[in-house]
């Protein structure tokens, strides 16, 4: 199995856990996907949303900032970050 396949499996597992409200497990899967592709803004975005949903606002902010560093046009990340900064 190549890295691309491994990444996709971790992403799909992460999405499944997130939709099942198992945020710790989702975070673990997204982190494992990032081990194979550390500059993937979409994986980082999913990780940030998972942090935010599990009330880990500091890590969510930090991760949204990483998304925007890699992809300054990522409007969803910008929107989430702005809301968190207003807290």
Foldseek 3Di string as FASTA:
>chain_A
DDLVVLLVVLQVQLVVCVVVVNLVSNLVSLVVSCVSPVLDLVSLQSNLVSCVVVVVLVVSLVSLVSSCVSPVPPVVSVVVNVVSVVD
